[in-house]
Amino acid sequence: MKKIKICAVLSFIIFTMILSSCIKVEEVGTAMINGKQYKQTESSNILCRFPASPIVIWSDDHILSFETFLMPVEDGGSKYSISFYLLMKDDKIDKGNPYKIEYNDKLNGKGLLDMEIRKRLSSDKTLFLSEGGDGIAFAIENDAVNQEISLEGEFIIANVDLKKNKCSGKYYLRTPAGSLTPLIIEGTFNTEIEN
Protein backbone atom coordinates (compact mmCIF):
# COMPACT_ATOMS: atom_id res chain seq x y z
CA MET A 1 0.00 0.00 0.00
CA LYS A 2 2.84 2.35 0.87
CA LYS A 3 4.50 1.69 -2.51
CA ILE A 4 1.28 2.60 -4.34
CA LYS A 5 1.05 5.96 -2.51
CA ILE A 6 4.70 6.72 -3.25
CA CYS A 7 4.22 5.81 -6.93
CA ALA A 8 1.10 7.98 -7.12
CA VAL A 9 2.89 10.96 -5.58
CA LEU A 10 5.92 10.52 -7.84
CA SER A 11 3.67 10.17 -10.90
CA PHE A 12 1.88 13.39 -9.95
CA ILE A 13 5.18 15.24 -9.48
CA ILE A 14 6.53 14.00 -12.82
CA PHE A 15 3.27 14.86 -14.61
CA THR A 16 3.34 18.37 -13.12
CA MET A 17 6.95 18.86 -14.15
CA ILE A 18 6.18 17.75 -17.71
CA LEU A 19 3.24 20.17 -17.97
CA SER A 20 5.16 23.10 -16.56
CA SER A 21 8.15 22.45 -18.78
CA CYS A 22 5.96 22.39 -21.89
CA ILE A 23 4.59 25.91 -21.42
CA LYS A 24 4.68 27.85 -24.65
CA VAL A 25 4.63 31.66 -24.48
CA GLU A 26 3.55 33.50 -27.61
CA GLU A 27 3.80 37.22 -28.23
CA VAL A 28 0.39 38.57 -29.29
CA GLY A 29 1.01 42.29 -29.06
CA THR A 30 3.77 44.86 -29.00
CA ALA A 31 3.98 48.52 -28.09
CA MET A 32 6.38 51.39 -27.82
CA ILE A 33 5.54 53.53 -24.80
CA ASN A 34 7.57 56.72 -24.49
CA GLY A 35 10.32 55.07 -26.54
CA LYS A 36 10.49 51.82 -24.51
CA GLN A 37 9.58 48.42 -26.00
CA TYR A 38 6.66 46.47 -24.43
CA LYS A 39 4.94 43.18 -25.24
CA GLN A 40 1.77 41.26 -24.49
CA THR A 41 1.95 37.48 -24.31
CA GLU A 42 -0.33 34.49 -23.92
CA SER A 43 0.66 31.12 -22.51
CA SER A 44 -0.35 27.55 -23.27
CA ASN A 45 0.67 24.03 -22.38
CA ILE A 46 -0.37 20.56 -23.50
CA LEU A 47 -3.73 20.70 -21.70
CA CYS A 48 -4.87 24.31 -21.76
CA ARG A 49 -4.35 27.78 -23.11
CA PHE A 50 -4.25 31.06 -21.20
CA PRO A 51 -5.28 33.54 -23.92
CA ALA A 52 -4.63 37.24 -23.99
CA SER A 53 -7.65 39.51 -23.69
CA PRO A 54 -10.08 39.22 -26.60
CA ILE A 55 -11.98 41.99 -28.33
CA VAL A 56 -15.42 41.63 -26.79
CA ILE A 57 -18.54 42.53 -28.77
CA TRP A 58 -21.27 43.88 -26.49
CA SER A 59 -24.14 43.67 -28.99
CA ASP A 60 -26.78 45.08 -26.60
CA ASP A 61 -24.62 48.16 -25.98
CA HIS A 62 -23.26 48.41 -29.57
CA ILE A 63 -19.74 48.55 -28.16
CA LEU A 64 -16.43 46.73 -28.71
CA SER A 65 -14.10 46.54 -25.74
CA PHE A 66 -10.48 45.47 -25.60
CA GLU A 67 -7.87 45.47 -22.87
CA THR A 68 -4.19 44.87 -23.40
CA PHE A 69 -1.67 44.11 -20.66
CA LEU A 70 1.82 45.27 -21.56
CA MET A 71 5.06 44.23 -19.87
CA PRO A 72 8.43 45.86 -20.54
CA VAL A 73 10.69 43.77 -22.78
CA GLU A 74 13.66 44.63 -20.57
CA ASP A 75 13.49 44.14 -16.80
CA GLY A 76 12.56 47.15 -14.78
CA GLY A 77 10.05 49.71 -15.84
CA SER A 78 6.34 50.10 -15.47
CA LYS A 79 3.63 47.66 -16.56
CA TYR A 80 0.61 49.11 -18.35
CA SER A 81 -2.91 48.03 -19.06
CA ILE A 82 -4.79 49.91 -21.75
CA SER A 83 -8.58 49.69 -22.05
CA PHE A 84 -10.50 50.60 -25.20
CA TYR A 85 -14.27 51.16 -25.59
CA LEU A 86 -15.36 51.68 -29.19
CA LEU A 87 -18.79 52.39 -30.64
CA MET A 88 -19.78 49.80 -33.23
CA LYS A 89 -20.64 51.21 -36.61
CA ASP A 90 -23.78 49.60 -38.08
CA ASP A 91 -23.48 46.84 -35.41
CA LYS A 92 -20.38 45.34 -36.98
CA ILE A 93 -16.60 45.53 -36.70
CA ASP A 94 -15.33 48.37 -38.87
CA LYS A 95 -12.29 46.85 -40.57
CA GLY A 96 -9.58 49.13 -41.89
CA ASN A 97 -11.12 52.43 -40.85
CA PRO A 98 -9.67 54.18 -37.80
CA TYR A 99 -11.81 54.52 -34.70
CA LYS A 100 -11.18 58.05 -33.39
CA ILE A 101 -10.24 57.84 -29.69
CA GLU A 102 -11.04 61.01 -27.76
CA TYR A 103 -9.41 62.29 -24.59
CA ASN A 104 -11.91 62.87 -21.79
CA ASP A 105 -10.95 64.39 -18.47
CA LYS A 106 -14.00 62.67 -16.88
CA LEU A 107 -12.07 59.37 -17.10
CA ASN A 108 -8.91 60.48 -15.30
CA GLY A 109 -8.62 58.80 -11.91
CA LYS A 110 -12.31 57.91 -11.66
CA GLY A 111 -12.12 54.15 -11.12
CA LEU A 112 -15.15 53.51 -13.33
CA LEU A 113 -16.11 49.87 -13.77
CA ASP A 114 -16.27 48.21 -17.19
CA MET A 115 -20.05 47.80 -17.12
CA GLU A 116 -20.54 51.38 -15.94
CA ILE A 117 -18.47 52.75 -18.84
CA ARG A 118 -20.33 50.60 -21.41
CA LYS A 119 -23.76 51.60 -20.11
CA ARG A 120 -22.92 55.31 -20.01
CA LEU A 121 -21.33 55.23 -23.46
CA SER A 122 -24.21 53.32 -25.05
CA SER A 123 -27.00 55.34 -23.40
CA ASP A 124 -25.56 58.81 -24.03
CA LYS A 125 -22.30 58.93 -25.94
CA THR A 126 -22.13 62.71 -25.45
CA LEU A 127 -21.07 62.05 -21.84
CA PHE A 128 -17.69 60.90 -23.17
CA LEU A 129 -17.52 61.86 -26.87
CA SER A 130 -17.93 64.81 -29.18
CA GLU A 131 -19.83 64.50 -32.46
CA GLY A 132 -16.92 62.92 -34.36
CA GLY A 133 -15.63 60.57 -31.66
CA ASP A 134 -15.76 56.78 -31.97
CA GLY A 135 -14.43 55.69 -28.60
CA ILE A 136 -12.39 56.20 -25.48
CA ALA A 137 -9.21 54.66 -24.09
CA PHE A 138 -7.27 54.93 -20.88
CA ALA A 139 -4.06 53.52 -19.47
CA ILE A 140 -3.29 52.33 -15.96
CA GLU A 141 0.33 52.16 -14.83
CA ASN A 142 1.45 49.37 -12.46
CA ASP A 143 -2.10 48.34 -11.49
CA ALA A 144 -2.67 51.67 -9.70
CA VAL A 145 -6.22 51.88 -8.35
CA ASN A 146 -8.23 54.91 -9.51
CA GLN A 147 -5.31 56.25 -11.54
CA GLU A 148 -6.71 55.99 -15.06
CA ILE A 149 -4.99 58.19 -17.64
CA SER A 150 -7.31 59.23 -20.48
CA LEU A 151 -5.78 59.03 -23.98
CA GLU A 152 -6.49 60.28 -27.48
CA GLY A 153 -5.58 58.85 -30.86
CA GLU A 154 -6.85 56.03 -33.05
CA PHE A 155 -7.51 52.29 -33.04
CA ILE A 156 -7.50 50.34 -36.30
CA ILE A 157 -8.73 46.78 -36.81
CA ALA A 158 -6.76 45.77 -39.90
CA ASN A 159 -7.68 42.10 -40.31
CA VAL A 160 -10.76 40.12 -39.25
CA ASP A 161 -11.31 36.37 -39.62
CA LEU A 162 -14.83 35.63 -38.34
CA LYS A 163 -14.48 31.88 -39.04
CA LYS A 164 -11.57 31.66 -36.60
CA ASN A 165 -12.83 34.55 -34.42
CA LYS A 166 -9.50 36.34 -34.76
CA CYS A 167 -8.50 39.90 -35.53
CA SER A 168 -5.39 42.06 -35.55
CA GLY A 169 -4.58 45.70 -35.83
CA LYS A 170 -2.78 48.67 -34.35
CA TYR A 171 -3.30 51.72 -32.20
CA TYR A 172 -1.70 55.13 -31.75
CA LEU A 173 -2.37 56.94 -28.48
CA ARG A 174 -1.08 59.89 -26.49
CA THR A 175 -1.96 62.16 -23.64
CA PRO A 176 -2.67 65.77 -24.58
CA ALA A 177 0.15 68.33 -24.48
CA GLY A 178 0.84 69.51 -20.95
CA SER A 179 -0.40 66.30 -19.31
CA LEU A 180 0.95 65.48 -15.84
CA THR A 181 1.64 61.92 -17.04
CA PRO A 182 2.84 62.25 -20.65
CA LEU A 183 2.42 59.07 -22.69
CA ILE A 184 3.04 58.34 -26.35
CA ILE A 185 1.94 54.81 -27.28
CA GLU A 186 2.14 52.96 -30.59
CA GLY A 187 1.07 49.32 -30.49
CA THR A 188 -0.13 46.24 -32.33
CA PHE A 189 -2.44 43.42 -31.30
CA ASN A 190 -3.42 39.95 -32.51
CA THR A 191 -6.33 38.55 -30.54
CA GLU A 192 -9.61 36.68 -30.53
CA ILE A 193 -13.12 38.03 -30.95
CA GLU A 194 -15.66 37.12 -28.29
CA ASN A 195 -19.41 37.65 -28.64
C-alpha atoms as a PDB file:
ATOM      1  CA  MET A   1       0.000   0.000   0.000  1.00  0.00           C
ATOM      2  CA  LYS A   2       2.838   2.352   0.873  1.00  0.00           C
ATOM      3  CA  LYS A   3       4.502   1.691  -2.509  1.00  0.00           C
ATOM      4  CA  ILE A   4       1.280   2.598  -4.336  1.00  0.00           C
ATOM      5  CA  LYS A   5       1.051   5.957  -2.514  1.00  0.00           C
ATOM      6  CA  ILE A   6       4.700   6.722  -3.249  1.00  0.00           C
ATOM      7  CA  CYS A   7       4.224   5.808  -6.935  1.00  0.00           C
ATOM      8  CA  ALA A   8       1.098   7.975  -7.119  1.00  0.00           C
ATOM      9  CA  VAL A   9       2.888  10.963  -5.579  1.00  0.00           C
ATOM     10  CA  LEU A  10       5.916  10.518  -7.840  1.00  0.00           C
ATOM     11  CA  SER A  11       3.673  10.173 -10.899  1.00  0.00           C
ATOM     12  CA  PHE A  12       1.881  13.388  -9.952  1.00  0.00           C
ATOM     13  CA  ILE A  13       5.178  15.243  -9.478  1.00  0.00           C
ATOM     14  CA  ILE A  14       6.531  13.997 -12.822  1.00  0.00           C
ATOM     15  CA  PHE A  15       3.270  14.861 -14.610  1.00  0.00           C
ATOM     16  CA  THR A  16       3.337  18.373 -13.116  1.00  0.00           C
ATOM     17  CA  MET A  17       6.949  18.857 -14.151  1.00  0.00           C
ATOM     18  CA  ILE A  18       6.176  17.746 -17.706  1.00  0.00           C
ATOM     19  CA  LEU A  19       3.242  20.170 -17.967  1.00  0.00           C
ATOM     20  CA  SER A  20       5.159  23.099 -16.559  1.00  0.00           C
ATOM     21  CA  SER A  21       8.154  22.446 -18.780  1.00  0.00           C
ATOM     22  CA  CYS A  22       5.959  22.391 -21.890  1.00  0.00           C
ATOM     23  CA  ILE A  23       4.591  25.906 -21.421  1.00  0.00           C
ATOM     24  CA  LYS A  24       4.679  27.848 -24.648  1.00  0.00           C
ATOM     25  CA  VAL A  25       4.635  31.657 -24.477  1.00  0.00           C
ATOM     26  CA  GLU A  26       3.555  33.500 -27.606  1.00  0.00           C
ATOM     27  CA  GLU A  27       3.796  37.224 -28.233  1.00  0.00           C
ATOM     28  CA  VAL A  28       0.393  38.574 -29.291  1.00  0.00           C
ATOM     29  CA  GLY A  29       1.012  42.289 -29.063  1.00  0.00           C
ATOM     30  CA  THR A  30       3.773  44.862 -28.997  1.00  0.00           C
ATOM     31  CA  ALA A  31       3.978  48.516 -28.091  1.00  0.00           C
ATOM     32  CA  MET A  32       6.377  51.395 -27.817  1.00  0.00           C
ATOM     33  CA  ILE A  33       5.543  53.533 -24.796  1.00  0.00           C
ATOM     34  CA  ASN A  34       7.573  56.724 -24.490  1.00  0.00           C
ATOM     35  CA  GLY A  35      10.324  55.066 -26.542  1.00  0.00           C
ATOM     36  CA  LYS A  36      10.493  51.817 -24.513  1.00  0.00           C
ATOM     37  CA  GLN A  37       9.583  48.417 -26.001  1.00  0.00           C
ATOM     38  CA  TYR A  38       6.661  46.474 -24.433  1.00  0.00           C
ATOM     39  CA  LYS A  39       4.943  43.184 -25.242  1.00  0.00           C
ATOM     40  CA  GLN A  40       1.766  41.256 -24.493  1.00  0.00           C
ATOM     41  CA  THR A  41       1.953  37.482 -24.312  1.00  0.00           C
ATOM     42  CA  GLU A  42      -0.334  34.492 -23.920  1.00  0.00           C
ATOM     43  CA  SER A  43       0.664  31.117 -22.514  1.00  0.00           C
ATOM     44  CA  SER A  44      -0.352  27.550 -23.265  1.00  0.00           C
ATOM     45  CA  ASN A  45       0.668  24.026 -22.377  1.00  0.00           C
ATOM     46  CA  ILE A  46      -0.371  20.561 -23.502  1.00  0.00           C
ATOM     47  CA  LEU A  47      -3.727  20.695 -21.703  1.00  0.00           C
ATOM     48  CA  CYS A  48      -4.867  24.306 -21.764  1.00  0.00           C
ATOM     49  CA  ARG A  49      -4.354  27.780 -23.111  1.00  0.00           C
ATOM     50  CA  PHE A  50      -4.251  31.058 -21.202  1.00  0.00           C
ATOM     51  CA  PRO A  51      -5.282  33.539 -23.918  1.00  0.00           C
ATOM     52  CA  ALA A  52      -4.632  37.241 -23.991  1.00  0.00           C
ATOM     53  CA  SER A  53      -7.649  39.509 -23.693  1.00  0.00           C
ATOM     54  CA  PRO A  54     -10.084  39.223 -26.599  1.00  0.00           C
ATOM     55  CA  ILE A  55     -11.979  41.985 -28.327  1.00  0.00           C
ATOM     56  CA  VAL A  56     -15.424  41.628 -26.785  1.00  0.00           C
ATOM     57  CA  ILE A  57     -18.540  42.527 -28.774  1.00  0.00           C
ATOM     58  CA  TRP A  58     -21.268  43.876 -26.487  1.00  0.00           C
ATOM     59  CA  SER A  59     -24.142  43.675 -28.986  1.00  0.00           C
ATOM     60  CA  ASP A  60     -26.777  45.079 -26.603  1.00  0.00           C
ATOM     61  CA  ASP A  61     -24.623  48.158 -25.977  1.00  0.00           C
ATOM     62  CA  HIS A  62     -23.261  48.407 -29.571  1.00  0.00           C
ATOM     63  CA  ILE A  63     -19.735  48.550 -28.158  1.00  0.00           C
ATOM     64  CA  LEU A  64     -16.429  46.728 -28.709  1.00  0.00           C
ATOM     65  CA  SER A  65     -14.097  46.543 -25.739  1.00  0.00           C
ATOM     66  CA  PHE A  66     -10.478  45.470 -25.604  1.00  0.00           C
ATOM     67  CA  GLU A  67      -7.873  45.473 -22.874  1.00  0.00           C
ATOM     68  CA  THR A  68      -4.192  44.868 -23.404  1.00  0.00           C
ATOM     69  CA  PHE A  69      -1.674  44.109 -20.655  1.00  0.00           C
ATOM     70  CA  LEU A  70       1.817  45.265 -21.560  1.00  0.00           C
ATOM     71  CA  MET A  71       5.055  44.225 -19.869  1.00  0.00           C
ATOM     72  CA  PRO A  72       8.429  45.864 -20.539  1.00  0.00           C
ATOM     73  CA  VAL A  73      10.691  43.773 -22.782  1.00  0.00           C
ATOM     74  CA  GLU A  74      13.663  44.628 -20.574  1.00  0.00           C
ATOM     75  CA  ASP A  75      13.492  44.137 -16.803  1.00  0.00           C
ATOM     76  CA  GLY A  76      12.557  47.153 -14.780  1.00  0.00           C
ATOM     77  CA  GLY A  77      10.052  49.710 -15.839  1.00  0.00           C
ATOM     78  CA  SER A  78       6.344  50.096 -15.468  1.00  0.00           C
ATOM     79  CA  LYS A  79       3.635  47.662 -16.560  1.00  0.00           C
ATOM     80  CA  TYR A  80       0.613  49.109 -18.352  1.00  0.00           C
ATOM     81  CA  SER A  81      -2.910  48.030 -19.060  1.00  0.00           C
ATOM     82  CA  ILE A  82      -4.793  49.909 -21.753  1.00  0.00           C
ATOM     83  CA  SER A  83      -8.580  49.686 -22.046  1.00  0.00           C
ATOM     84  CA  PHE A  84     -10.500  50.596 -25.203  1.00  0.00           C
ATOM     85  CA  TYR A  85     -14.265  51.157 -25.587  1.00  0.00           C
ATOM     86  CA  LEU A  86     -15.359  51.676 -29.192  1.00  0.00           C
ATOM     87  CA  LEU A  87     -18.795  52.386 -30.635  1.00  0.00           C
ATOM     88  CA  MET A  88     -19.775  49.803 -33.228  1.00  0.00           C
ATOM     89  CA  LYS A  89     -20.641  51.211 -36.615  1.00  0.00           C
ATOM     90  CA  ASP A  90     -23.775  49.596 -38.076  1.00  0.00           C
ATOM     91  CA  ASP A  91     -23.476  46.837 -35.408  1.00  0.00           C
ATOM     92  CA  LYS A  92     -20.376  45.342 -36.977  1.00  0.00           C
ATOM     93  CA  ILE A  93     -16.600  45.533 -36.695  1.00  0.00           C
ATOM     94  CA  ASP A  94     -15.325  48.369 -38.869  1.00  0.00           C
ATOM     95  CA  LYS A  95     -12.291  46.852 -40.566  1.00  0.00           C
ATOM     96  CA  GLY A  96      -9.579  49.133 -41.893  1.00  0.00           C
ATOM     97  CA  ASN A  97     -11.119  52.434 -40.849  1.00  0.00           C
ATOM     98  CA  PRO A  98      -9.675  54.183 -37.796  1.00  0.00           C
ATOM     99  CA  TYR A  99     -11.805  54.522 -34.704  1.00  0.00           C
ATOM    100  CA  LYS A 100     -11.175  58.047 -33.389  1.00  0.00           C
ATOM    101  CA  ILE A 101     -10.237  57.842 -29.692  1.00  0.00           C
ATOM    102  CA  GLU A 102     -11.037  61.009 -27.757  1.00  0.00           C
ATOM    103  CA  TYR A 103      -9.414  62.292 -24.593  1.00  0.00           C
ATOM    104  CA  ASN A 104     -11.915  62.871 -21.790  1.00  0.00           C
ATOM    105  CA  ASP A 105     -10.955  64.387 -18.472  1.00  0.00           C
ATOM    106  CA  LYS A 106     -13.999  62.668 -16.882  1.00  0.00           C
ATOM    107  CA  LEU A 107     -12.070  59.371 -17.104  1.00  0.00           C
ATOM    108  CA  ASN A 108      -8.914  60.484 -15.295  1.00  0.00           C
ATOM    109  CA  GLY A 109      -8.619  58.799 -11.907  1.00  0.00           C
ATOM    110  CA  LYS A 110     -12.314  57.911 -11.656  1.00  0.00           C
ATOM    111  CA  GLY A 111     -12.123  54.155 -11.121  1.00  0.00           C
ATOM    112  CA  LEU A 112     -15.155  53.506 -13.328  1.00  0.00           C
ATOM    113  CA  LEU A 113     -16.106  49.869 -13.770  1.00  0.00           C
ATOM    114  CA  ASP A 114     -16.271  48.209 -17.189  1.00  0.00           C
ATOM    115  CA  MET A 115     -20.053  47.796 -17.116  1.00  0.00           C
ATOM    116  CA  GLU A 116     -20.544  51.383 -15.944  1.00  0.00           C
ATOM    117  CA  ILE A 117     -18.474  52.752 -18.842  1.00  0.00           C
ATOM    118  CA  ARG A 118     -20.329  50.604 -21.408  1.00  0.00           C
ATOM    119  CA  LYS A 119     -23.760  51.601 -20.106  1.00  0.00           C
ATOM    120  CA  ARG A 120     -22.920  55.311 -20.007  1.00  0.00           C
ATOM    121  CA  LEU A 121     -21.334  55.233 -23.458  1.00  0.00           C
ATOM    122  CA  SER A 122     -24.210  53.318 -25.048  1.00  0.00           C
ATOM    123  CA  SER A 123     -27.004  55.338 -23.396  1.00  0.00           C
ATOM    124  CA  ASP A 124     -25.556  58.806 -24.027  1.00  0.00           C
ATOM    125  CA  LYS A 125     -22.300  58.929 -25.941  1.00  0.00           C
ATOM    126  CA  THR A 126     -22.125  62.709 -25.453  1.00  0.00           C
ATOM    127  CA  LEU A 127     -21.074  62.049 -21.839  1.00  0.00           C
ATOM    128  CA  PHE A 128     -17.694  60.903 -23.170  1.00  0.00           C
ATOM    129  CA  LEU A 129     -17.515  61.856 -26.871  1.00  0.00           C
ATOM    130  CA  SER A 130     -17.932  64.812 -29.181  1.00  0.00           C
ATOM    131  CA  GLU A 131     -19.833  64.500 -32.458  1.00  0.00           C
ATOM    132  CA  GLY A 132     -16.919  62.917 -34.364  1.00  0.00           C
ATOM    133  CA  GLY A 133     -15.631  60.574 -31.664  1.00  0.00           C
ATOM    134  CA  ASP A 134     -15.764  56.784 -31.971  1.00  0.00           C
ATOM    135  CA  GLY A 135     -14.426  55.687 -28.603  1.00  0.00           C
ATOM    136  CA  ILE A 136     -12.391  56.196 -25.482  1.00  0.00           C
ATOM    137  CA  ALA A 137      -9.215  54.657 -24.091  1.00  0.00           C
ATOM    138  CA  PHE A 138      -7.274  54.926 -20.875  1.00  0.00           C
ATOM    139  CA  ALA A 139      -4.055  53.522 -19.468  1.00  0.00           C
ATOM    140  CA  ILE A 140      -3.287  52.332 -15.957  1.00  0.00           C
ATOM    141  CA  GLU A 141       0.334  52.163 -14.828  1.00  0.00           C
ATOM    142  CA  ASN A 142       1.453  49.369 -12.462  1.00  0.00           C
ATOM    143  CA  ASP A 143      -2.097  48.339 -11.488  1.00  0.00           C
ATOM    144  CA  ALA A 144      -2.668  51.667  -9.701  1.00  0.00           C
ATOM    145  CA  VAL A 145      -6.218  51.877  -8.354  1.00  0.00           C
ATOM    146  CA  ASN A 146      -8.228  54.911  -9.510  1.00  0.00           C
ATOM    147  CA  GLN A 147      -5.308  56.251 -11.535  1.00  0.00           C
ATOM    148  CA  GLU A 148      -6.711  55.993 -15.059  1.00  0.00           C
ATOM    149  CA  ILE A 149      -4.992  58.188 -17.636  1.00  0.00           C
ATOM    150  CA  SER A 150      -7.313  59.227 -20.483  1.00  0.00           C
ATOM    151  CA  LEU A 151      -5.783  59.029 -23.977  1.00  0.00           C
ATOM    152  CA  GLU A 152      -6.493  60.284 -27.482  1.00  0.00           C
ATOM    153  CA  GLY A 153      -5.580  58.848 -30.862  1.00  0.00           C
ATOM    154  CA  GLU A 154      -6.850  56.033 -33.054  1.00  0.00           C
ATOM    155  CA  PHE A 155      -7.507  52.291 -33.040  1.00  0.00           C
ATOM    156  CA  ILE A 156      -7.503  50.338 -36.303  1.00  0.00           C
ATOM    157  CA  ILE A 157      -8.727  46.776 -36.808  1.00  0.00           C
ATOM    158  CA  ALA A 158      -6.758  45.773 -39.898  1.00  0.00           C
ATOM    159  CA  ASN A 159      -7.682  42.098 -40.306  1.00  0.00           C
ATOM    160  CA  VAL A 160     -10.755  40.118 -39.253  1.00  0.00           C
ATOM    161  CA  ASP A 161     -11.312  36.366 -39.618  1.00  0.00           C
ATOM    162  CA  LEU A 162     -14.827  35.626 -38.344  1.00  0.00           C
ATOM    163  CA  LYS A 163     -14.481  31.885 -39.038  1.00  0.00           C
ATOM    164  CA  LYS A 164     -11.567  31.655 -36.598  1.00  0.00           C
ATOM    165  CA  ASN A 165     -12.834  34.550 -34.419  1.00  0.00           C
ATOM    166  CA  LYS A 166      -9.499  36.340 -34.757  1.00  0.00           C
ATOM    167  CA  CYS A 167      -8.503  39.898 -35.529  1.00  0.00           C
ATOM    168  CA  SER A 168      -5.391  42.058 -35.552  1.00  0.00           C
ATOM    169  CA  GLY A 169      -4.581  45.697 -35.826  1.00  0.00           C
ATOM    170  CA  LYS A 170      -2.783  48.670 -34.346  1.00  0.00           C
ATOM    171  CA  TYR A 171      -3.298  51.720 -32.200  1.00  0.00           C
ATOM    172  CA  TYR A 172      -1.703  55.135 -31.750  1.00  0.00           C
ATOM    173  CA  LEU A 173      -2.374  56.940 -28.481  1.00  0.00           C
ATOM    174  CA  ARG A 174      -1.083  59.887 -26.493  1.00  0.00           C
ATOM    175  CA  THR A 175      -1.962  62.155 -23.637  1.00  0.00           C
ATOM    176  CA  PRO A 176      -2.671  65.771 -24.575  1.00  0.00           C
ATOM    177  CA  ALA A 177       0.152  68.330 -24.480  1.00  0.00           C
ATOM    178  CA  GLY A 178       0.842  69.512 -20.950  1.00  0.00           C
ATOM    179  CA  SER A 179      -0.398  66.305 -19.313  1.00  0.00           C
ATOM    180  CA  LEU A 180       0.950  65.478 -15.841  1.00  0.00           C
ATOM    181  CA  THR A 181       1.639  61.917 -17.041  1.00  0.00           C
ATOM    182  CA  PRO A 182       2.843  62.249 -20.652  1.00  0.00           C
ATOM    183  CA  LEU A 183       2.415  59.069 -22.689  1.00  0.00           C
ATOM    184  CA  ILE A 184       3.040  58.339 -26.353  1.00  0.00           C
ATOM    185  CA  ILE A 185       1.944  54.812 -27.283  1.00  0.00           C
ATOM    186  CA  GLU A 186       2.144  52.964 -30.591  1.00  0.00           C
ATOM    187  CA  GLY A 187       1.067  49.322 -30.488  1.00  0.00           C
ATOM    188  CA  THR A 188      -0.129  46.244 -32.328  1.00  0.00           C
ATOM    189  CA  PHE A 189      -2.437  43.417 -31.298  1.00  0.00           C
ATOM    190  CA  ASN A 190      -3.415  39.945 -32.511  1.00  0.00           C
ATOM    191  CA  THR A 191      -6.332  38.546 -30.539  1.00  0.00           C
ATOM    192  CA  GLU A 192      -9.610  36.679 -30.533  1.00  0.00           C
ATOM    193  CA  ILE A 193     -13.125  38.025 -30.949  1.00  0.00           C
ATOM    194  CA  GLU A 194     -15.660  37.117 -28.286  1.00  0.00           C
ATOM    195  CA  ASN A 195     -19.410  37.647 -28.640  1.00  0.00           C
END
